[in-house]
Amino acid sequence: MAAVLGAVVGSVATGGAAFVTSLGAARLQTRKERKEGCLALMNEAAAVLHLTEDVMIHATAERGEARTPDYAQFTAQSLEGRRRVAKTSDVLVLAGPRGVKDTCDALTEAASAVHLAISRGDETLLAEAVGRLMQSVDALRQRGPRI
């Protein structure tokens, strides 16, 4: 009787330890995926910010030569940047905690505003969109350690 009871207790203890270990590993994997998603989204937003820098440098150079700036070459790049931010945001929303959705939506909207400003060639609108994009990146950065 004691041997059977010992075997049952040993089996339950081993099963419980395996369950706790697998639960911890799953939490670590989820946390890793969230952090990778957060980093990927910040990289995509940084790429859009670099594009806006290029646009502003180009526009300043064109005005310096008394020509009207041509934003056509940057429109396709800004559309691709907006698409990549939206896609990466969606992945992070699926992997991340519930509260990250608002931040991801703000980043996607800011990237869309950047694209709109570039396609219209409106530097004032572009400056406002860049400000919103930077605020959204900062919000994601602050939220990052809690993800």
N, C-alpha and C. Protein backbone atom coordinates (compact mmCIF):
# COMPACT_ATOMS: atom_id res chain seq x y z
N MET A 1 0.82 -1.19 0.00
CA MET A 1 0.00 0.00 0.00
C MET A 1 0.87 1.26 0.00
N ALA A 2 1.92 1.24 0.81
CA ALA A 2 2.82 2.39 0.90
C ALA A 2 3.53 2.62 -0.42
N ALA A 3 3.90 1.56 -1.12
CA ALA A 3 4.59 1.68 -2.40
C ALA A 3 3.67 2.32 -3.44
N VAL A 4 2.42 1.90 -3.48
CA VAL A 4 1.45 2.45 -4.43
C VAL A 4 1.20 3.93 -4.12
N LEU A 5 1.02 4.24 -2.84
CA LEU A 5 0.81 5.63 -2.44
C LEU A 5 2.02 6.49 -2.79
N GLY A 6 3.20 5.96 -2.58
CA GLY A 6 4.44 6.68 -2.92
C GLY A 6 4.54 6.92 -4.42
N ALA A 7 4.16 5.94 -5.22
CA ALA A 7 4.20 6.08 -6.68
C ALA A 7 3.21 7.14 -7.15
N VAL A 8 2.02 7.16 -6.56
CA VAL A 8 1.00 8.14 -6.93
C VAL A 8 1.47 9.55 -6.59
N VAL A 9 1.99 9.72 -5.38
CA VAL A 9 2.48 11.03 -4.95
C VAL A 9 3.64 11.48 -5.84
N GLY A 10 4.53 10.58 -6.18
CA GLY A 10 5.66 10.89 -7.06
C GLY A 10 5.20 11.30 -8.45
N SER A 11 4.21 10.59 -8.97
CA SER A 11 3.67 10.92 -10.30
C SER A 11 3.02 12.29 -10.31
N VAL A 12 2.25 12.58 -9.29
CA VAL A 12 1.58 13.88 -9.20
C VAL A 12 2.61 15.00 -9.07
N ALA A 13 3.63 14.78 -8.26
CA ALA A 13 4.67 15.80 -8.08
C ALA A 13 5.43 16.03 -9.37
N THR A 14 5.76 14.97 -10.08
CA THR A 14 6.49 15.10 -11.34
C THR A 14 5.63 15.80 -12.39
N GLY A 15 4.37 15.43 -12.48
CA GLY A 15 3.44 16.08 -13.42
C GLY A 15 3.25 17.55 -13.09
N GLY A 16 3.13 17.86 -11.81
CA GLY A 16 2.98 19.26 -11.39
C GLY A 16 4.20 20.09 -11.73
N ALA A 17 5.38 19.52 -11.51
CA ALA A 17 6.62 20.23 -11.82
C ALA A 17 6.74 20.47 -13.33
N ALA A 18 6.39 19.48 -14.12
CA ALA A 18 6.44 19.63 -15.58
C ALA A 18 5.46 20.70 -16.05
N PHE A 19 4.28 20.73 -15.44
CA PHE A 19 3.28 21.74 -15.80
C PHE A 19 3.77 23.15 -15.49
N VAL A 20 4.32 23.33 -14.30
CA VAL A 20 4.82 24.64 -13.88
C VAL A 20 5.97 25.08 -14.79
N THR A 21 6.85 24.16 -15.14
CA THR A 21 7.98 24.47 -16.03
C THR A 21 7.49 24.88 -17.41
N SER A 22 6.53 24.15 -17.95
CA SER A 22 6.02 24.48 -19.29
C SER A 22 5.26 25.80 -19.27
N LEU A 23 4.57 26.08 -18.20
CA LEU A 23 3.85 27.35 -18.08
C LEU A 23 4.84 28.52 -18.05
N GLY A 24 5.92 28.37 -17.32
CA GLY A 24 6.96 29.41 -17.27
C GLY A 24 7.61 29.61 -18.62
N ALA A 25 7.88 28.53 -19.33
CA ALA A 25 8.49 28.63 -20.66
C ALA A 25 7.54 29.32 -21.64
N ALA A 26 6.27 29.03 -21.55
CA ALA A 26 5.29 29.67 -22.44
C ALA A 26 5.21 31.17 -22.16
N ARG A 27 5.26 31.56 -20.89
CA ARG A 27 5.25 32.99 -20.55
C ARG A 27 6.48 33.70 -21.07
N LEU A 28 7.64 33.06 -20.94
CA LEU A 28 8.88 33.65 -21.46
C LEU A 28 8.83 33.80 -22.97
N GLN A 29 8.27 32.81 -23.66
CA GLN A 29 8.16 32.88 -25.12
C GLN A 29 7.22 34.00 -25.54
N THR A 30 6.11 34.14 -24.86
CA THR A 30 5.16 35.21 -25.16
C THR A 30 5.79 36.57 -24.93
N ARG A 31 6.49 36.71 -23.85
CA ARG A 31 7.18 37.98 -23.55
C ARG A 31 8.22 38.30 -24.61
N LYS A 32 8.96 37.29 -25.06
CA LYS A 32 9.96 37.48 -26.09
C LYS A 32 9.30 37.93 -27.40
N GLU A 33 8.20 37.31 -27.78
CA GLU A 33 7.49 37.69 -28.99
C GLU A 33 6.97 39.12 -28.91
N ARG A 34 6.47 39.52 -27.75
CA ARG A 34 5.99 40.88 -27.57
C ARG A 34 7.11 41.89 -27.71
N LYS A 35 8.24 41.60 -27.09
CA LYS A 35 9.38 42.53 -27.17
C LYS A 35 9.90 42.62 -28.60
N GLU A 36 9.97 41.50 -29.30
CA GLU A 36 10.42 41.52 -30.69
C GLU A 36 9.44 42.31 -31.56
N GLY A 37 8.15 42.15 -31.32
CA GLY A 37 7.15 42.91 -32.06
C GLY A 37 7.25 44.40 -31.79
N CYS A 38 7.49 44.76 -30.55
CA CYS A 38 7.65 46.16 -30.16
C CYS A 38 8.87 46.76 -30.84
N LEU A 39 9.97 46.03 -30.84
CA LEU A 39 11.19 46.50 -31.49
C LEU A 39 11.00 46.63 -33.00
N ALA A 40 10.34 45.66 -33.61
CA ALA A 40 10.09 45.73 -35.06
C ALA A 40 9.23 46.93 -35.41
N LEU A 41 8.22 47.22 -34.61
CA LEU A 41 7.36 48.37 -34.86
C LEU A 41 8.14 49.68 -34.71
N MET A 42 8.98 49.75 -33.72
CA MET A 42 9.79 50.96 -33.55
C MET A 42 10.76 51.14 -34.72
N ASN A 43 11.30 50.05 -35.24
CA ASN A 43 12.18 50.13 -36.40
C ASN A 43 11.43 50.62 -37.65
N GLU A 44 10.22 50.14 -37.84
CA GLU A 44 9.42 50.58 -38.99
C GLU A 44 9.08 52.06 -38.86
N ALA A 45 8.72 52.49 -37.66
CA ALA A 45 8.42 53.91 -37.44
C ALA A 45 9.66 54.76 -37.67
N ALA A 46 10.82 54.26 -37.25
CA ALA A 46 12.07 54.99 -37.48
C ALA A 46 12.36 55.12 -38.97
N ALA A 47 12.04 54.10 -39.73
CA ALA A 47 12.25 54.16 -41.19
C ALA A 47 11.38 55.25 -41.80
N VAL A 48 10.15 55.38 -41.32
CA VAL A 48 9.26 56.44 -41.82
C VAL A 48 9.82 57.81 -41.43
N LEU A 49 10.35 57.92 -40.22
CA LEU A 49 10.95 59.19 -39.80
C LEU A 49 12.17 59.55 -40.66
N HIS A 50 12.97 58.56 -41.00
CA HIS A 50 14.13 58.82 -41.87
C HIS A 50 13.67 59.27 -43.26
N LEU A 51 12.59 58.69 -43.74
CA LEU A 51 12.05 59.10 -45.03
C LEU A 51 11.61 60.57 -44.98
N THR A 52 10.98 60.96 -43.90
CA THR A 52 10.54 62.36 -43.80
C THR A 52 11.74 63.30 -43.77
N GLU A 53 12.82 62.85 -43.17
CA GLU A 53 14.05 63.65 -43.18
C GLU A 53 14.53 63.86 -44.61
N ASP A 54 14.54 62.75 -45.37
CA ASP A 54 14.96 62.83 -46.78
C ASP A 54 14.05 63.78 -47.57
N VAL A 55 12.76 63.71 -47.31
CA VAL A 55 11.80 64.58 -48.01
C VAL A 55 12.10 66.04 -47.70
N MET A 56 12.32 66.35 -46.44
CA MET A 56 12.58 67.74 -46.06
C MET A 56 13.91 68.25 -46.64
N ILE A 57 14.93 67.41 -46.65
CA ILE A 57 16.21 67.80 -47.25
C ILE A 57 16.03 68.06 -48.74
N HIS A 58 15.30 67.18 -49.41
CA HIS A 58 15.03 67.34 -50.84
C HIS A 58 14.26 68.63 -51.11
N ALA A 59 13.23 68.87 -50.33
CA ALA A 59 12.40 70.07 -50.54
C ALA A 59 13.22 71.34 -50.31
N THR A 60 14.06 71.34 -49.30
CA THR A 60 14.90 72.51 -49.02
C THR A 60 15.88 72.76 -50.17
N ALA A 61 16.47 71.69 -50.68
CA ALA A 61 17.41 71.83 -51.80
C ALA A 61 16.71 72.36 -53.05
N GLU A 62 15.50 71.85 -53.31
CA GLU A 62 14.76 72.30 -54.49
C GLU A 62 14.39 73.78 -54.37
N ARG A 63 13.96 74.19 -53.20
CA ARG A 63 13.61 75.60 -53.01
C ARG A 63 14.85 76.48 -53.13
N GLY A 64 16.00 75.96 -52.69
CA GLY A 64 17.25 76.71 -52.80
C GLY A 64 17.65 76.95 -54.24
N GLU A 65 17.21 76.08 -55.13
CA GLU A 65 17.49 76.23 -56.56
C GLU A 65 16.31 76.88 -57.28
N ALA A 66 15.39 77.45 -56.52
CA ALA A 66 14.21 78.15 -57.05
C ALA A 66 13.34 77.23 -57.90
N ARG A 67 13.23 75.97 -57.47
CA ARG A 67 12.34 75.03 -58.16
C ARG A 67 11.28 74.55 -57.17
N THR A 68 10.17 74.13 -57.71
CA THR A 68 9.11 73.57 -56.88
C THR A 68 9.49 72.14 -56.51
N PRO A 69 9.47 71.81 -55.23
CA PRO A 69 9.85 70.44 -54.84
C PRO A 69 8.92 69.40 -55.46
N ASP A 70 9.50 68.30 -55.91
CA ASP A 70 8.74 67.20 -56.48
C ASP A 70 8.74 66.05 -55.47
N TYR A 71 7.57 65.74 -54.95
CA TYR A 71 7.45 64.70 -53.92
C TYR A 71 7.08 63.34 -54.49
N ALA A 72 6.95 63.26 -55.81
CA ALA A 72 6.48 62.02 -56.43
C ALA A 72 7.37 60.83 -56.10
N GLN A 73 8.67 61.06 -56.06
CA GLN A 73 9.57 59.94 -55.80
C GLN A 73 9.43 59.39 -54.38
N PHE A 74 8.93 60.21 -53.46
CA PHE A 74 8.80 59.78 -52.07
C PHE A 74 7.42 59.20 -51.74
N THR A 75 6.45 59.43 -52.63
CA THR A 75 5.09 58.98 -52.35
C THR A 75 5.00 57.46 -52.22
N ALA A 76 5.63 56.75 -53.15
CA ALA A 76 5.60 55.28 -53.10
C ALA A 76 6.31 54.76 -51.86
N GLN A 77 7.41 55.41 -51.50
CA GLN A 77 8.15 54.98 -50.30
C GLN A 77 7.32 55.22 -49.04
N SER A 78 6.61 56.33 -49.00
CA SER A 78 5.80 56.61 -47.80
C SER A 78 4.61 55.65 -47.73
N LEU A 79 4.06 55.27 -48.87
CA LEU A 79 2.96 54.30 -48.88
C LEU A 79 3.44 52.95 -48.36
N GLU A 80 4.63 52.54 -48.80
CA GLU A 80 5.20 51.28 -48.33
C GLU A 80 5.51 51.35 -46.83
N GLY A 81 6.03 52.48 -46.37
CA GLY A 81 6.30 52.66 -44.94
C GLY A 81 5.03 52.58 -44.13
N ARG A 82 3.96 53.21 -44.60
CA ARG A 82 2.67 53.16 -43.90
C ARG A 82 2.16 51.72 -43.83
N ARG A 83 2.29 51.00 -44.93
CA ARG A 83 1.83 49.61 -44.98
C ARG A 83 2.61 48.74 -44.00
N ARG A 84 3.92 48.95 -43.93
CA ARG A 84 4.75 48.14 -43.03
C ARG A 84 4.47 48.47 -41.56
N VAL A 85 4.24 49.74 -41.25
CA VAL A 85 3.89 50.11 -39.87
C VAL A 85 2.56 49.46 -39.49
N ALA A 86 1.59 49.51 -40.39
CA ALA A 86 0.27 48.93 -40.10
C ALA A 86 0.38 47.41 -39.89
N LYS A 87 1.15 46.76 -40.74
CA LYS A 87 1.29 45.30 -40.63
C LYS A 87 2.00 44.92 -39.32
N THR A 88 3.06 45.63 -38.99
CA THR A 88 3.79 45.34 -37.76
C THR A 88 2.94 45.66 -36.54
N SER A 89 2.14 46.72 -36.63
CA SER A 89 1.23 47.07 -35.53
C SER A 89 0.23 45.96 -35.29
N ASP A 90 -0.32 45.43 -36.37
CA ASP A 90 -1.30 44.35 -36.24
C ASP A 90 -0.69 43.13 -35.56
N VAL A 91 0.54 42.81 -35.91
CA VAL A 91 1.21 41.66 -35.29
C VAL A 91 1.41 41.91 -33.80
N LEU A 92 1.83 43.12 -33.44
CA LEU A 92 2.05 43.42 -32.03
C LEU A 92 0.74 43.43 -31.25
N VAL A 93 -0.34 43.92 -31.86
CA VAL A 93 -1.64 43.91 -31.18
C VAL A 93 -2.06 42.48 -30.88
N LEU A 94 -1.81 41.57 -31.82
CA LEU A 94 -2.18 40.17 -31.59
C LEU A 94 -1.32 39.52 -30.51
N ALA A 95 -0.05 39.88 -30.45
CA ALA A 95 0.86 39.27 -29.48
C ALA A 95 0.88 40.01 -28.14
N GLY A 96 0.60 41.30 -28.19
CA GLY A 96 0.78 42.14 -27.01
C GLY A 96 -0.40 42.16 -26.08
N PRO A 97 -0.24 42.87 -24.99
CA PRO A 97 -1.35 43.03 -24.04
C PRO A 97 -2.42 43.94 -24.64
N ARG A 98 -3.58 43.95 -24.06
CA ARG A 98 -4.70 44.73 -24.58
C ARG A 98 -4.39 46.22 -24.71
N GLY A 99 -3.68 46.77 -23.77
CA GLY A 99 -3.42 48.20 -23.75
C GLY A 99 -2.54 48.71 -24.87
N VAL A 100 -1.85 47.83 -25.59
CA VAL A 100 -0.93 48.27 -26.63
C VAL A 100 -1.68 48.66 -27.91
N LYS A 101 -2.92 48.29 -28.04
CA LYS A 101 -3.68 48.57 -29.26
C LYS A 101 -3.81 50.07 -29.53
N ASP A 102 -4.09 50.86 -28.51
CA ASP A 102 -4.23 52.30 -28.70
C ASP A 102 -2.93 52.92 -29.22
N THR A 103 -1.82 52.49 -28.67
CA THR A 103 -0.52 53.01 -29.10
C THR A 103 -0.24 52.59 -30.54
N CYS A 104 -0.54 51.36 -30.88
CA CYS A 104 -0.32 50.88 -32.25
C CYS A 104 -1.23 51.60 -33.24
N ASP A 105 -2.46 51.84 -32.85
CA ASP A 105 -3.38 52.59 -33.72
C ASP A 105 -2.88 54.01 -33.95
N ALA A 106 -2.36 54.64 -32.91
CA ALA A 106 -1.83 56.00 -33.05
C ALA A 106 -0.62 56.02 -33.99
N LEU A 107 0.23 55.01 -33.90
CA LEU A 107 1.38 54.93 -34.80
C LEU A 107 0.94 54.74 -36.25
N THR A 108 -0.03 53.88 -36.45
CA THR A 108 -0.52 53.64 -37.81
C THR A 108 -1.16 54.89 -38.39
N GLU A 109 -1.95 55.59 -37.59
CA GLU A 109 -2.58 56.83 -38.06
C GLU A 109 -1.53 57.90 -38.37
N ALA A 110 -0.49 57.99 -37.56
CA ALA A 110 0.57 58.96 -37.80
C ALA A 110 1.32 58.63 -39.09
N ALA A 111 1.60 57.35 -39.33
CA ALA A 111 2.26 56.95 -40.58
C ALA A 111 1.37 57.25 -41.78
N SER A 112 0.07 57.09 -41.63
CA SER A 112 -0.87 57.44 -42.71
C SER A 112 -0.86 58.94 -42.95
N ALA A 113 -0.78 59.72 -41.89
CA ALA A 113 -0.73 61.18 -42.03
C ALA A 113 0.55 61.62 -42.73
N VAL A 114 1.65 60.94 -42.45
CA VAL A 114 2.92 61.24 -43.14
C VAL A 114 2.76 60.97 -44.63
N HIS A 115 2.18 59.84 -44.97
CA HIS A 115 1.97 59.51 -46.39
C HIS A 115 1.09 60.55 -47.07
N LEU A 116 0.01 60.94 -46.41
CA LEU A 116 -0.90 61.93 -46.98
C LEU A 116 -0.17 63.26 -47.21
N ALA A 117 0.61 63.69 -46.23
CA ALA A 117 1.34 64.95 -46.35
C ALA A 117 2.35 64.90 -47.50
N ILE A 118 3.04 63.78 -47.64
CA ILE A 118 4.02 63.65 -48.72
C ILE A 118 3.32 63.62 -50.07
N SER A 119 2.22 62.87 -50.16
CA SER A 119 1.52 62.79 -51.44
C SER A 119 0.93 64.13 -51.85
N ARG A 120 0.58 64.96 -50.88
CA ARG A 120 0.06 66.30 -51.19
C ARG A 120 1.17 67.34 -51.35
N GLY A 121 2.36 67.01 -50.88
CA GLY A 121 3.46 67.96 -50.93
C GLY A 121 3.29 69.11 -49.95
N ASP A 122 2.62 68.83 -48.84
CA ASP A 122 2.32 69.85 -47.83
C ASP A 122 3.30 69.72 -46.66
N GLU A 123 4.25 70.64 -46.61
CA GLU A 123 5.28 70.56 -45.58
C GLU A 123 4.75 70.87 -44.18
N THR A 124 3.75 71.72 -44.08
CA THR A 124 3.17 72.02 -42.77
C THR A 124 2.47 70.79 -42.21
N LEU A 125 1.69 70.15 -43.05
CA LEU A 125 1.01 68.92 -42.66
C LEU A 125 2.03 67.83 -42.32
N LEU A 126 3.12 67.80 -43.07
CA LEU A 126 4.17 66.80 -42.82
C LEU A 126 4.81 67.03 -41.45
N ALA A 127 5.07 68.27 -41.11
CA ALA A 127 5.67 68.58 -39.80
C ALA A 127 4.74 68.14 -38.67
N GLU A 128 3.45 68.38 -38.82
CA GLU A 128 2.48 67.95 -37.80
C GLU A 128 2.44 66.42 -37.70
N ALA A 129 2.47 65.75 -38.86
CA ALA A 129 2.41 64.29 -38.87
C ALA A 129 3.66 63.70 -38.23
N VAL A 130 4.82 64.32 -38.49
CA VAL A 130 6.06 63.84 -37.87
C VAL A 130 6.00 64.00 -36.36
N GLY A 131 5.44 65.11 -35.90
CA GLY A 131 5.27 65.31 -34.46
C GLY A 131 4.41 64.22 -33.83
N ARG A 132 3.30 63.89 -34.49
CA ARG A 132 2.43 62.83 -33.97
C ARG A 132 3.12 61.48 -34.00
N LEU A 133 3.90 61.23 -35.07
CA LEU A 133 4.62 59.97 -35.17
C LEU A 133 5.65 59.85 -34.06
N MET A 134 6.35 60.93 -33.78
CA MET A 134 7.35 60.90 -32.71
C MET A 134 6.70 60.71 -31.34
N GLN A 135 5.55 61.35 -31.11
CA GLN A 135 4.83 61.16 -29.85
C GLN A 135 4.39 59.70 -29.70
N SER A 136 3.93 59.11 -30.78
CA SER A 136 3.49 57.71 -30.73
C SER A 136 4.65 56.77 -30.47
N VAL A 137 5.80 57.05 -31.08
CA VAL A 137 6.99 56.22 -30.83
C VAL A 137 7.40 56.34 -29.36
N ASP A 138 7.36 57.55 -28.83
CA ASP A 138 7.69 57.74 -27.41
C ASP A 138 6.71 56.98 -26.51
N ALA A 139 5.43 57.00 -26.86
CA ALA A 139 4.44 56.27 -26.06
C ALA A 139 4.72 54.77 -26.10
N LEU A 140 5.10 54.27 -27.27
CA LEU A 140 5.43 52.85 -27.38
C LEU A 140 6.70 52.54 -26.60
N ARG A 141 7.67 53.43 -26.64
CA ARG A 141 8.92 53.23 -25.90
C ARG A 141 8.66 53.18 -24.40
N GLN A 142 7.77 54.04 -23.91
CA GLN A 142 7.44 54.03 -22.49
C GLN A 142 6.68 52.77 -22.10
N ARG A 143 5.88 52.29 -23.02
CA ARG A 143 5.09 51.10 -22.75
C ARG A 143 5.92 49.83 -22.89
N GLY A 144 7.00 49.90 -23.65
CA GLY A 144 7.83 48.73 -23.95
C GLY A 144 8.26 47.88 -22.77
N PRO A 145 8.80 48.47 -21.72
CA PRO A 145 9.23 47.63 -20.59
C PRO A 145 8.10 46.86 -19.92
N ARG A 146 6.87 47.32 -20.07
CA ARG A 146 5.74 46.64 -19.45
C ARG A 146 5.14 45.58 -20.35
N ILE A 147 5.62 45.50 -21.56
CA ILE A 147 5.10 44.50 -22.50
C ILE A 147 5.70 43.18 -22.14
